[in-house]
Structures are given as structure tokens and as C-alpha cells.
Amino acid sequence: MMRKPSQIVHCISCDLSCQLFPDSAVRVQYCHNAAFSIWPDGNAFLKKGFIEKLLLDRHNHLSSGFIFVDFSFPNLRRFTDLQ
């Protein structure tokens, strides 16, 4: 199965929006926030929800970040096997 090249993943934890994947930005090493991101990017409502409810409303004690995967209907084709 042929896969499309991976997309760029950016951090949503702060306003700098550092690149996390495929090539991590140098400033990520010096960031004091846990890196949270959403893949694939493009769902503005999901992104706003995570920022407002997870990052701004609560002080989280997580030392490592998470990548939240958007399994909404427009993105389902990315996760299906063509075989």
C-alpha cells in the first residue's frame, strides 16, 4: 500500500506553534510546555476546543505531550486500508 508523505505536525501548546514532526524545531527542546498537537490539522473547532478546555482552563501536570488524532468523517479516508 502506498502511503502519502507525512504531513507537518505543529504544537498547539503556545503561540509559537513549533514544528514537531517530521523535523522537530530546535526551540521545542527549550519549551517549558508539554507539546500538544492535533493531526491532521484543519479542524478549527476541534483545535479551539482543545486549546480552550484542555490548555487554558486547566493547569495540567503532564510532563510529555500528546497528539490528538481527528477521526472525523472528512479524515476517515486517511485511515482506511486500500487493499
Protein backbone atom coordinates (compact mmCIF):
# COMPACT_ATOMS: atom_id res chain seq x y z
CA MET A 1 0.00 0.00 0.00
CA MET A 2 1.37 3.39 -0.96
CA ARG A 3 1.19 6.00 1.76
CA LYS A 4 1.14 9.72 1.17
CA PRO A 5 4.08 11.65 2.57
CA SER A 6 3.52 12.56 6.18
CA GLN A 7 2.16 15.97 6.98
CA ILE A 8 3.76 18.52 9.20
CA VAL A 9 2.59 18.45 12.83
CA HIS A 10 2.70 21.68 14.84
CA CYS A 11 2.41 22.20 18.60
CA ILE A 12 -0.71 23.99 19.88
CA SER A 13 0.51 24.48 23.47
CA CYS A 14 1.71 28.05 22.95
CA ASP A 15 1.65 30.85 20.39
CA LEU A 16 4.97 29.84 18.80
CA SER A 17 3.39 26.78 17.12
CA CYS A 18 6.70 24.92 16.80
CA GLN A 19 7.05 22.11 14.29
CA LEU A 20 7.10 18.68 15.97
CA PHE A 21 7.11 16.25 13.05
CA PRO A 22 8.73 15.25 10.66
CA ASP A 23 11.60 17.62 11.54
CA SER A 24 11.45 18.90 15.09
CA ALA A 25 12.22 22.60 15.54
CA VAL A 26 15.20 23.47 17.74
CA ARG A 27 13.13 25.69 20.03
CA VAL A 28 10.98 22.68 21.04
CA GLN A 29 13.89 21.48 23.20
CA TYR A 30 13.78 24.69 25.23
CA CYS A 31 10.00 24.94 25.56
CA HIS A 32 8.67 24.53 29.10
CA ASN A 33 5.21 23.44 27.96
CA ALA A 34 4.16 19.88 27.18
CA ALA A 35 3.68 19.56 23.42
CA PHE A 36 0.08 19.01 22.37
CA SER A 37 -0.94 18.77 18.74
CA ILE A 38 -3.81 17.69 16.51
CA TRP A 39 -3.33 15.56 13.41
CA PRO A 40 -4.46 16.06 10.69
CA ASP A 41 -4.68 19.78 11.13
CA GLY A 42 -7.62 21.65 9.67
CA ASN A 43 -10.50 21.12 12.10
CA ALA A 44 -10.70 24.59 13.65
CA PHE A 45 -13.47 23.62 16.08
CA LEU A 46 -11.53 20.66 17.49
CA LYS A 47 -8.39 22.78 17.81
CA LYS A 48 -10.25 25.60 19.56
CA GLY A 49 -11.92 23.11 21.90
CA PHE A 50 -8.63 21.55 22.96
CA ILE A 51 -6.97 24.92 23.44
CA GLU A 52 -9.82 26.42 25.47
CA LYS A 53 -10.79 23.40 27.57
CA LEU A 54 -7.54 21.47 27.99
CA LEU A 55 -4.78 24.04 27.82
CA LEU A 56 -6.30 27.31 29.07
CA ASP A 57 -8.84 26.19 31.68
CA ARG A 58 -6.71 23.64 33.49
CA HIS A 59 -3.18 23.50 34.74
CA ASN A 60 -2.03 20.10 33.62
CA HIS A 61 0.77 18.19 35.26
CA LEU A 62 1.70 16.12 32.24
CA SER A 63 5.41 16.00 31.54
CA SER A 64 5.03 14.74 27.99
CA GLY A 65 2.62 15.85 25.34
CA PHE A 66 0.03 14.15 23.20
CA ILE A 67 -1.01 14.07 19.56
CA PHE A 68 -4.78 14.03 19.30
CA VAL A 69 -6.00 12.31 16.14
CA ASP A 70 -9.05 13.74 14.39
CA PHE A 71 -11.21 10.78 13.32
CA SER A 72 -13.98 12.99 11.90
CA PHE A 73 -15.76 11.94 8.72
CA PRO A 74 -13.67 14.02 6.25
CA ASN A 75 -10.47 12.40 7.58
CA LEU A 76 -11.60 8.75 7.54
CA ARG A 77 -10.05 8.11 4.13
CA ARG A 78 -6.59 8.70 5.64
CA PHE A 79 -7.06 5.73 7.98
CA THR A 80 -8.58 3.15 5.64
CA ASP A 81 -6.59 0.39 4.01
CA LEU A 82 -6.85 0.37 0.22
CA GLN A 83 -6.22 -3.40 -0.08
